[in-house]
Structure formats: structure tokens, C-alpha cells
Amino acid sequence: MIVQLIDFLRDRLKTVIRLCYAGLALLVAWDIIFVDKHHAHTWPEKLWFFWALFGFVACVLIILVSKWFGHCHWFGGKFTIMAPEDYYDK
């Protein structure tokens, strides 16, 4: 069933993308019109795009730090999160 749904959506990719853009536009409009910004604690919170930008930057940073941490080799290569490809051949 899930494969049929994925195939259905893949065949109508342009429609799916347009619906996603429309949903994003509705969320932005909702934020601009209905979200009260008078009780914001800091000045960036008064900007309508602040939390979306904050979330995006935080997500990108989490991904970059995780990739860096996964590739780190400490203590002369004895402690790693991602083992080298030939680790078990040694």
C-alpha cells in the first residue's frame, strides 16, 4: 500500500511540490496575521521569519556537527564512532 502511495505521488511530483509551496505560504500568512508578537522577549522574535530561520540554522548545525563528530579520530585512532572501511580486515 505504501509503495502504491509513493508511486502515485512520484507520478504527480509537480502537483506535490505546488501543494507544499501552498502549505508553506499558508503557514507564513498564518504567522504574519495571527501570531501575537507583542510579548516577544527579544527583538529578533518580533521578525516574522525568526523562528523558521532559527530552526533551519539549528538543523544544519546539528547535521554538520554530527558528521564532524562521527569522523573524528581520537587517541591515535583507537576511539572512533565511524570505523574505517578496512577495520575488520586488520
PDB file of N, CA and C in Angstrom:
ATOM      1  N   MET A   1       0.819  -1.197   0.000  1.00  0.00           N
ATOM      2  CA  MET A   1       0.000   0.000   0.000  1.00  0.00           C
ATOM      3  C   MET A   1       0.862   1.260   0.000  1.00  0.00           C
ATOM      4  N   ILE A   2       1.904   1.276   0.828  1.00  0.00           N
ATOM      5  CA  ILE A   2       2.764   2.463   0.895  1.00  0.00           C
ATOM      6  C   ILE A   2       3.522   2.643  -0.425  1.00  0.00           C
ATOM      7  N   VAL A   3       3.869   1.532  -1.066  1.00  0.00           N
ATOM      8  CA  VAL A   3       4.576   1.625  -2.348  1.00  0.00           C
ATOM      9  C   VAL A   3       3.665   2.247  -3.403  1.00  0.00           C
ATOM     10  N   GLN A   4       2.402   1.889  -3.375  1.00  0.00           N
ATOM     11  CA  GLN A   4       1.448   2.466  -4.321  1.00  0.00           C
ATOM     12  C   GLN A   4       1.286   3.957  -4.080  1.00  0.00           C
ATOM     13  N   LEU A   5       1.260   4.371  -2.805  1.00  0.00           N
ATOM     14  CA  LEU A   5       1.144   5.795  -2.482  1.00  0.00           C
ATOM     15  C   LEU A   5       2.370   6.557  -2.970  1.00  0.00           C
ATOM     16  N   ILE A   6       3.552   5.995  -2.745  1.00  0.00           N
ATOM     17  CA  ILE A   6       4.783   6.650  -3.195  1.00  0.00           C
ATOM     18  C   ILE A   6       4.805   6.758  -4.713  1.00  0.00           C
ATOM     19  N   ASP A   7       4.410   5.702  -5.404  1.00  0.00           N
ATOM     20  CA  ASP A   7       4.362   5.746  -6.876  1.00  0.00           C
ATOM     21  C   ASP A   7       3.349   6.777  -7.358  1.00  0.00           C
ATOM     22  N   PHE A   8       2.203   6.847  -6.686  1.00  0.00           N
ATOM     23  CA  PHE A   8       1.167   7.823  -7.032  1.00  0.00           C
ATOM     24  C   PHE A   8       1.698   9.241  -6.888  1.00  0.00           C
ATOM     25  N   LEU A   9       2.369   9.525  -5.766  1.00  0.00           N
ATOM     26  CA  LEU A   9       2.909  10.866  -5.536  1.00  0.00           C
ATOM     27  C   LEU A   9       4.075  11.165  -6.470  1.00  0.00           C
ATOM     28  N   ARG A  10       4.897  10.170  -6.777  1.00  0.00           N
ATOM     29  CA  ARG A  10       6.028  10.375  -7.680  1.00  0.00           C
ATOM     30  C   ARG A  10       5.546  10.715  -9.085  1.00  0.00           C
ATOM     31  N   ASP A  11       4.443  10.108  -9.504  1.00  0.00           N
ATOM     32  CA  ASP A  11       3.898  10.398 -10.830  1.00  0.00           C
ATOM     33  C   ASP A  11       3.337  11.814 -10.909  1.00  0.00           C
ATOM     34  N   ARG A  12       2.981  12.396  -9.784  1.00  0.00           N
ATOM     35  CA  ARG A  12       2.411  13.741  -9.734  1.00  0.00           C
ATOM     36  C   ARG A  12       3.314  14.684  -8.940  1.00  0.00           C
ATOM     37  N   LEU A  13       4.602  14.630  -9.216  1.00  0.00           N
ATOM     38  CA  LEU A  13       5.586  15.372  -8.443  1.00  0.00           C
ATOM     39  C   LEU A  13       5.372  16.884  -8.500  1.00  0.00           C
ATOM     40  N   LYS A  14       5.055  17.421  -9.667  1.00  0.00           N
ATOM     41  CA  LYS A  14       4.829  18.871  -9.780  1.00  0.00           C
ATOM     42  C   LYS A  14       3.660  19.311  -8.913  1.00  0.00           C
ATOM     43  N   THR A  15       2.609  18.519  -8.864  1.00  0.00           N
ATOM     44  CA  THR A  15       1.447  18.847  -8.030  1.00  0.00           C
ATOM     45  C   THR A  15       1.820  18.796  -6.554  1.00  0.00           C
ATOM     46  N   VAL A  16       2.607  17.810  -6.170  1.00  0.00           N
ATOM     47  CA  VAL A  16       3.036  17.692  -4.773  1.00  0.00           C
ATOM     48  C   VAL A  16       3.884  18.898  -4.384  1.00  0.00           C
ATOM     49  N   ILE A  17       4.795  19.301  -5.264  1.00  0.00           N
ATOM     50  CA  ILE A  17       5.646  20.467  -4.969  1.00  0.00           C
ATOM     51  C   ILE A  17       4.796  21.726  -4.842  1.00  0.00           C
ATOM     52  N   ARG A  18       3.836  21.912  -5.732  1.00  0.00           N
ATOM     53  CA  ARG A  18       2.958  23.086  -5.653  1.00  0.00           C
ATOM     54  C   ARG A  18       2.147  23.073  -4.367  1.00  0.00           C
ATOM     55  N   LEU A  19       1.661  21.919  -3.950  1.00  0.00           N
ATOM     56  CA  LEU A  19       0.912  21.824  -2.695  1.00  0.00           C
ATOM     57  C   LEU A  19       1.796  22.145  -1.490  1.00  0.00           C
ATOM     58  N   CYS A  20       3.051  21.720  -1.542  1.00  0.00           N
ATOM     59  CA  CYS A  20       3.980  22.046  -0.453  1.00  0.00           C
ATOM     60  C   CYS A  20       4.252  23.547  -0.392  1.00  0.00           C
ATOM     61  N   TYR A  21       4.424  24.184  -1.552  1.00  0.00           N
ATOM     62  CA  TYR A  21       4.616  25.635  -1.577  1.00  0.00           C
ATOM     63  C   TYR A  21       3.373  26.358  -1.065  1.00  0.00           C
ATOM     64  N   ALA A  22       2.203  25.875  -1.446  1.00  0.00           N
ATOM     65  CA  ALA A  22       0.962  26.490  -0.965  1.00  0.00           C
ATOM     66  C   ALA A  22       0.830  26.339   0.540  1.00  0.00           C
ATOM     67  N   GLY A  23       1.182  25.168   1.060  1.00  0.00           N
ATOM     68  CA  GLY A  23       1.140  24.964   2.511  1.00  0.00           C
ATOM     69  C   GLY A  23       2.124  25.863   3.229  1.00  0.00           C
ATOM     70  N   LEU A  24       3.305  26.027   2.671  1.00  0.00           N
ATOM     71  CA  LEU A  24       4.295  26.929   3.261  1.00  0.00           C
ATOM     72  C   LEU A  24       3.798  28.364   3.247  1.00  0.00           C
ATOM     73  N   ALA A  25       3.194  28.784   2.145  1.00  0.00           N
ATOM     74  CA  ALA A  25       2.651  30.141   2.060  1.00  0.00           C
ATOM     75  C   ALA A  25       1.534  30.347   3.086  1.00  0.00           C
ATOM     76  N   LEU A  26       0.696  29.343   3.279  1.00  0.00           N
ATOM     77  CA  LEU A  26      -0.361  29.450   4.286  1.00  0.00           C
ATOM     78  C   LEU A  26       0.218  29.559   5.693  1.00  0.00           C
ATOM     79  N   LEU A  27       1.277  28.803   5.979  1.00  0.00           N
ATOM     80  CA  LEU A  27       1.909  28.898   7.291  1.00  0.00           C
ATOM     81  C   LEU A  27       2.528  30.271   7.523  1.00  0.00           C
ATOM     82  N   VAL A  28       3.164  30.817   6.502  1.00  0.00           N
ATOM     83  CA  VAL A  28       3.744  32.155   6.633  1.00  0.00           C
ATOM     84  C   VAL A  28       2.642  33.190   6.827  1.00  0.00           C
ATOM     85  N   ALA A  29       1.570  33.077   6.062  1.00  0.00           N
ATOM     86  CA  ALA A  29       0.453  34.012   6.219  1.00  0.00           C
ATOM     87  C   ALA A  29      -0.156  33.896   7.612  1.00  0.00           C
ATOM     88  N   TRP A  30      -0.307  32.678   8.104  1.00  0.00           N
ATOM     89  CA  TRP A  30      -0.852  32.471   9.460  1.00  0.00           C
ATOM     90  C   TRP A  30       0.055  33.147  10.493  1.00  0.00           C
ATOM     91  N   ASP A  31       1.363  32.988  10.330  1.00  0.00           N
ATOM     92  CA  ASP A  31       2.306  33.591  11.265  1.00  0.00           C
ATOM     93  C   ASP A  31       2.226  35.111  11.222  1.00  0.00           C
ATOM     94  N   ILE A  32       2.139  35.681  10.031  1.00  0.00           N
ATOM     95  CA  ILE A  32       2.095  37.140   9.903  1.00  0.00           C
ATOM     96  C   ILE A  32       0.795  37.703  10.472  1.00  0.00           C
ATOM     97  N   ILE A  33      -0.310  37.024  10.221  1.00  0.00           N
ATOM     98  CA  ILE A  33      -1.618  37.571  10.586  1.00  0.00           C
ATOM     99  C   ILE A  33      -2.007  37.256  12.025  1.00  0.00           C
ATOM    100  N   PHE A  34      -1.825  36.026  12.464  1.00  0.00           N
ATOM    101  CA  PHE A  34      -2.439  35.593  13.714  1.00  0.00           C
ATOM    102  C   PHE A  34      -1.505  35.455  14.907  1.00  0.00           C
ATOM    103  N   VAL A  35      -0.224  35.326  14.712  1.00  0.00           N
ATOM    104  CA  VAL A  35       0.683  35.121  15.836  1.00  0.00           C
ATOM    105  C   VAL A  35       0.987  36.470  16.479  1.00  0.00           C
ATOM    106  N   ASP A  36       0.746  36.539  17.787  1.00  0.00           N
ATOM    107  CA  ASP A  36       0.960  37.769  18.546  1.00  0.00           C
ATOM    108  C   ASP A  36       2.449  37.952  18.830  1.00  0.00           C
ATOM    109  N   LYS A  37       2.990  39.055  18.384  1.00  0.00           N
ATOM    110  CA  LYS A  37       4.412  39.321  18.572  1.00  0.00           C
ATOM    111  C   LYS A  37       4.653  40.449  19.583  1.00  0.00           C
ATOM    112  N   HIS A  38       3.607  40.898  20.247  1.00  0.00           N
ATOM    113  CA  HIS A  38       3.754  41.992  21.200  1.00  0.00           C
ATOM    114  C   HIS A  38       4.457  41.553  22.484  1.00  0.00           C
ATOM    115  N   HIS A  39       4.428  40.269  22.790  1.00  0.00           N
ATOM    116  CA  HIS A  39       5.025  39.793  24.029  1.00  0.00           C
ATOM    117  C   HIS A  39       6.332  39.053  23.780  1.00  0.00           C
ATOM    118  N   ALA A  40       7.009  39.393  22.712  1.00  0.00           N
ATOM    119  CA  ALA A  40       8.292  38.764  22.401  1.00  0.00           C
ATOM    120  C   ALA A  40       9.330  39.206  23.425  1.00  0.00           C
ATOM    121  N   HIS A  41      10.224  38.302  23.763  1.00  0.00           N
ATOM    122  CA  HIS A  41      11.234  38.593  24.773  1.00  0.00           C
ATOM    123  C   HIS A  41      12.434  39.348  24.209  1.00  0.00           C
ATOM    124  N   THR A  42      12.774  39.114  22.956  1.00  0.00           N
ATOM    125  CA  THR A  42      13.913  39.778  22.334  1.00  0.00           C
ATOM    126  C   THR A  42      13.482  40.371  21.004  1.00  0.00           C
ATOM    127  N   TRP A  43      14.282  41.277  20.457  1.00  0.00           N
ATOM    128  CA  TRP A  43      13.887  41.944  19.215  1.00  0.00           C
ATOM    129  C   TRP A  43      13.844  41.013  18.014  1.00  0.00           C
ATOM    130  N   PRO A  44      14.706  39.977  17.909  1.00  0.00           N
ATOM    131  CA  PRO A  44      14.573  39.113  16.724  1.00  0.00           C
ATOM    132  C   PRO A  44      13.251  38.338  16.708  1.00  0.00           C
ATOM    133  N   GLU A  45      12.682  38.073  17.857  1.00  0.00           N
ATOM    134  CA  GLU A  45      11.420  37.341  17.906  1.00  0.00           C
ATOM    135  C   GLU A  45      10.270  38.123  17.283  1.00  0.00           C
ATOM    136  N   LYS A  46      10.447  39.402  17.146  1.00  0.00           N
ATOM    137  CA  LYS A  46       9.399  40.218  16.525  1.00  0.00           C
ATOM    138  C   LYS A  46       9.396  40.092  15.004  1.00  0.00           C
ATOM    139  N   LEU A  47      10.479  39.581  14.438  1.00  0.00           N
ATOM    140  CA  LEU A  47      10.533  39.349  12.998  1.00  0.00           C
ATOM    141  C   LEU A  47       9.726  38.094  12.665  1.00  0.00           C
ATOM    142  N   TRP A  48       8.963  38.128  11.595  1.00  0.00           N
ATOM    143  CA  TRP A  48       8.074  37.018  11.291  1.00  0.00           C
ATOM    144  C   TRP A  48       8.809  35.770  10.831  1.00  0.00           C
ATOM    145  N   PHE A  49      10.049  35.886  10.382  1.00  0.00           N
ATOM    146  CA  PHE A  49      10.784  34.730   9.887  1.00  0.00           C
ATOM    147  C   PHE A  49      11.787  34.190  10.889  1.00  0.00           C
ATOM    148  N   PHE A  50      11.854  34.762  12.091  1.00  0.00           N
ATOM    149  CA  PHE A  50      12.927  34.428  13.026  1.00  0.00           C
ATOM    150  C   PHE A  50      12.958  32.958  13.402  1.00  0.00           C
ATOM    151  N   TRP A  51      11.836  32.404  13.850  1.00  0.00           N
ATOM    152  CA  TRP A  51      11.850  31.029  14.341  1.00  0.00           C
ATOM    153  C   TRP A  51      12.048  30.024  13.219  1.00  0.00           C
ATOM    154  N   ALA A  52      11.565  30.327  12.024  1.00  0.00           N
ATOM    155  CA  ALA A  52      11.812  29.435  10.888  1.00  0.00           C
ATOM    156  C   ALA A  52      13.300  29.429  10.546  1.00  0.00           C
ATOM    157  N   LEU A  53      13.910  30.597  10.508  1.00  0.00           N
ATOM    158  CA  LEU A  53      15.341  30.698  10.228  1.00  0.00           C
ATOM    159  C   LEU A  53      16.165  30.059  11.343  1.00  0.00           C
ATOM    160  N   PHE A  54      15.773  30.288  12.574  1.00  0.00           N
ATOM    161  CA  PHE A  54      16.458  29.697  13.725  1.00  0.00           C
ATOM    162  C   PHE A  54      16.420  28.170  13.643  1.00  0.00           C
ATOM    163  N   GLY A  55      15.260  27.608  13.347  1.00  0.00           N
ATOM    164  CA  GLY A  55      15.119  26.162  13.244  1.00  0.00           C
ATOM    165  C   GLY A  55      15.938  25.588  12.110  1.00  0.00           C
ATOM    166  N   PHE A  56      15.949  26.271  10.965  1.00  0.00           N
ATOM    167  CA  PHE A  56      16.730  25.803   9.819  1.00  0.00           C
ATOM    168  C   PHE A  56      18.219  25.821  10.125  1.00  0.00           C
ATOM    169  N   VAL A  57      18.708  26.916  10.701  1.00  0.00           N
ATOM    170  CA  VAL A  57      20.132  27.019  11.031  1.00  0.00           C
ATOM    171  C   VAL A  57      20.508  25.977  12.083  1.00  0.00           C
ATOM    172  N   ALA A  58      19.641  25.776  13.085  1.00  0.00           N
ATOM    173  CA  ALA A  58      19.920  24.775  14.110  1.00  0.00           C
ATOM    174  C   ALA A  58      19.988  23.375  13.502  1.00  0.00           C
ATOM    175  N   CYS A  59      19.100  23.068  12.589  1.00  0.00           N
ATOM    176  CA  CYS A  59      19.098  21.760  11.929  1.00  0.00           C
ATOM    177  C   CYS A  59      20.377  21.553  11.131  1.00  0.00           C
ATOM    178  N   VAL A  60      20.790  22.557  10.376  1.00  0.00           N
ATOM    179  CA  VAL A  60      22.019  22.452   9.593  1.00  0.00           C
ATOM    180  C   VAL A  60      23.224  22.279  10.512  1.00  0.00           C
ATOM    181  N   LEU A  61      23.265  23.019  11.610  1.00  0.00           N
ATOM    182  CA  LEU A  61      24.380  22.889  12.555  1.00  0.00           C
ATOM    183  C   LEU A  61      24.415  21.505  13.200  1.00  0.00           C
ATOM    184  N   ILE A  62      23.261  20.966  13.556  1.00  0.00           N
ATOM    185  CA  ILE A  62      23.217  19.627  14.141  1.00  0.00           C
ATOM    186  C   ILE A  62      23.777  18.606  13.156  1.00  0.00           C
ATOM    187  N   ILE A  63      23.407  18.722  11.898  1.00  0.00           N
ATOM    188  CA  ILE A  63      23.893  17.783  10.888  1.00  0.00           C
ATOM    189  C   ILE A  63      25.401  17.919  10.702  1.00  0.00           C
ATOM    190  N   LEU A  64      25.900  19.154  10.592  1.00  0.00           N
ATOM    191  CA  LEU A  64      27.330  19.363  10.377  1.00  0.00           C
ATOM    192  C   LEU A  64      28.161  18.899  11.576  1.00  0.00           C
ATOM    193  N   VAL A  65      27.724  19.216  12.788  1.00  0.00           N
ATOM    194  CA  VAL A  65      28.457  18.797  13.985  1.00  0.00           C
ATOM    195  C   VAL A  65      28.424  17.280  14.123  1.00  0.00           C
ATOM    196  N   SER A  66      27.293  16.668  13.810  1.00  0.00           N
ATOM    197  CA  SER A  66      27.196  15.209  13.890  1.00  0.00           C
ATOM    198  C   SER A  66      28.138  14.535  12.895  1.00  0.00           C
ATOM    199  N   LYS A  67      28.197  15.059  11.677  1.00  0.00           N
ATOM    200  CA  LYS A  67      29.114  14.492  10.681  1.00  0.00           C
ATOM    201  C   LYS A  67      30.563  14.674  11.122  1.00  0.00           C
ATOM    202  N   TRP A  68      30.899  15.845  11.642  1.00  0.00           N
ATOM    203  CA  TRP A  68      32.256  16.085  12.119  1.00  0.00           C
ATOM    204  C   TRP A  68      32.589  15.139  13.271  1.00  0.00           C
ATOM    205  N   PHE A  69      31.668  15.012  14.217  1.00  0.00           N
ATOM    206  CA  PHE A  69      31.906  14.163  15.383  1.00  0.00           C
ATOM    207  C   PHE A  69      32.041  12.706  14.975  1.00  0.00           C
ATOM    208  N   GLY A  70      31.282  12.279  13.982  1.00  0.00           N
ATOM    209  CA  GLY A  70      31.359  10.905  13.519  1.00  0.00           C
ATOM    210  C   GLY A  70      32.669  10.569  12.849  1.00  0.00           C
ATOM    211  N   HIS A  71      33.303  11.545  12.244  1.00  0.00           N
ATOM    212  CA  HIS A  71      34.560  11.315  11.535  1.00  0.00           C
ATOM    213  C   HIS A  71      35.792  11.609  12.379  1.00  0.00           C
ATOM    214  N   CYS A  72      35.610  12.057  13.610  1.00  0.00           N
ATOM    215  CA  CYS A  72      36.757  12.357  14.475  1.00  0.00           C
ATOM    216  C   CYS A  72      37.484  11.080  14.872  1.00  0.00           C
ATOM    217  N   HIS A  73      38.803  11.155  14.927  1.00  0.00           N
ATOM    218  CA  HIS A  73      39.639  10.051  15.395  1.00  0.00           C
ATOM    219  C   HIS A  73      40.443  10.569  16.573  1.00  0.00           C
ATOM    220  N   TRP A  74      40.168  10.048  17.747  1.00  0.00           N
ATOM    221  CA  TRP A  74      40.859  10.490  18.946  1.00  0.00           C
ATOM    222  C   TRP A  74      41.752   9.386  19.469  1.00  0.00           C
ATOM    223  N   PHE A  75      42.715   9.748  20.275  1.00  0.00           N
ATOM    224  CA  PHE A  75      43.607   8.817  20.953  1.00  0.00           C
ATOM    225  C   PHE A  75      44.348   7.918  19.958  1.00  0.00           C
ATOM    226  N   GLY A  76      44.853   8.522  18.903  1.00  0.00           N
ATOM    227  CA  GLY A  76      45.620   7.771  17.930  1.00  0.00           C
ATOM    228  C   GLY A  76      44.779   6.818  17.104  1.00  0.00           C
ATOM    229  N   GLY A  77      43.523   7.129  16.922  1.00  0.00           N
ATOM    230  CA  GLY A  77      42.655   6.286  16.112  1.00  0.00           C
ATOM    231  C   GLY A  77      42.035   5.127  16.870  1.00  0.00           C
ATOM    232  N   LYS A  78      42.234   5.054  18.198  1.00  0.00           N
ATOM    233  CA  LYS A  78      41.669   3.942  18.963  1.00  0.00           C
ATOM    234  C   LYS A  78      40.212   4.163  19.309  1.00  0.00           C
ATOM    235  N   PHE A  79      39.755   5.405  19.305  1.00  0.00           N
ATOM    236  CA  PHE A  79      38.358   5.702  19.620  1.00  0.00           C
ATOM    237  C   PHE A  79      37.742   6.427  18.434  1.00  0.00           C
ATOM    238  N   THR A  80      36.866   5.779  17.738  1.00  0.00           N
ATOM    239  CA  THR A  80      36.171   6.405  16.627  1.00  0.00           C
ATOM    240  C   THR A  80      34.712   5.999  16.655  1.00  0.00           C
ATOM    241  N   ILE A  81      33.876   6.840  16.153  1.00  0.00           N
ATOM    242  CA  ILE A  81      32.472   6.488  16.015  1.00  0.00           C
ATOM    243  C   ILE A  81      32.269   5.756  14.696  1.00  0.00           C
ATOM    244  N   MET A  82      32.852   6.285  13.632  1.00  0.00           N
ATOM    245  CA  MET A  82      32.793   5.612  12.333  1.00  0.00           C
ATOM    246  C   MET A  82      34.123   4.906  12.117  1.00  0.00           C
ATOM    247  N   ALA A  83      34.073   3.605  12.083  1.00  0.00           N
ATOM    248  CA  ALA A  83      35.294   2.838  11.874  1.00  0.00           C
ATOM    249  C   ALA A  83      35.699   2.906  10.403  1.00  0.00           C
ATOM    250  N   PRO A  84      36.994   2.829  10.120  1.00  0.00           N
ATOM    251  CA  PRO A  84      37.433   2.791   8.722  1.00  0.00           C
ATOM    252  C   PRO A  84      36.873   1.561   8.013  1.00  0.00           C
ATOM    253  N   GLU A  85      36.811   1.621   6.698  1.00  0.00           N
ATOM    254  CA  GLU A  85      36.215   0.522   5.938  1.00  0.00           C
ATOM    255  C   GLU A  85      36.978  -0.785   6.118  1.00  0.00           C
ATOM    256  N   ASP A  86      38.287  -0.719   6.304  1.00  0.00           N
ATOM    257  CA  ASP A  86      39.066  -1.931   6.444  1.00  0.00           C
ATOM    258  C   ASP A  86      39.312  -2.304   7.910  1.00  0.00           C
ATOM    259  N   TYR A  87      38.478  -1.843   8.812  1.00  0.00           N
ATOM    260  CA  TYR A  87      38.649  -2.075  10.243  1.00  0.00           C
ATOM    261  C   TYR A  87      38.659  -3.562  10.570  1.00  0.00           C
ATOM    262  N   TYR A  88      37.729  -4.320  10.017  1.00  0.00           N
ATOM    263  CA  TYR A  88      37.626  -5.738  10.341  1.00  0.00           C
ATOM    264  C   TYR A  88      38.618  -6.594   9.579  1.00  0.00           C
ATOM    265  N   ASP A  89      39.256  -6.033   8.559  1.00  0.00           N
ATOM    266  CA  ASP A  89      40.280  -6.783   7.824  1.00  0.00           C
ATOM    267  C   ASP A  89      41.607  -6.806   8.554  1.00  0.00           C
ATOM    268  N   LYS A  90      41.780  -5.897   9.492  1.00  0.00           N
ATOM    269  CA  LYS A  90      43.062  -5.810  10.230  1.00  0.00           C
ATOM    270  C   LYS A  90      43.153  -6.865  11.310  1.00  0.00           C
TER     271      LYS A  90
END
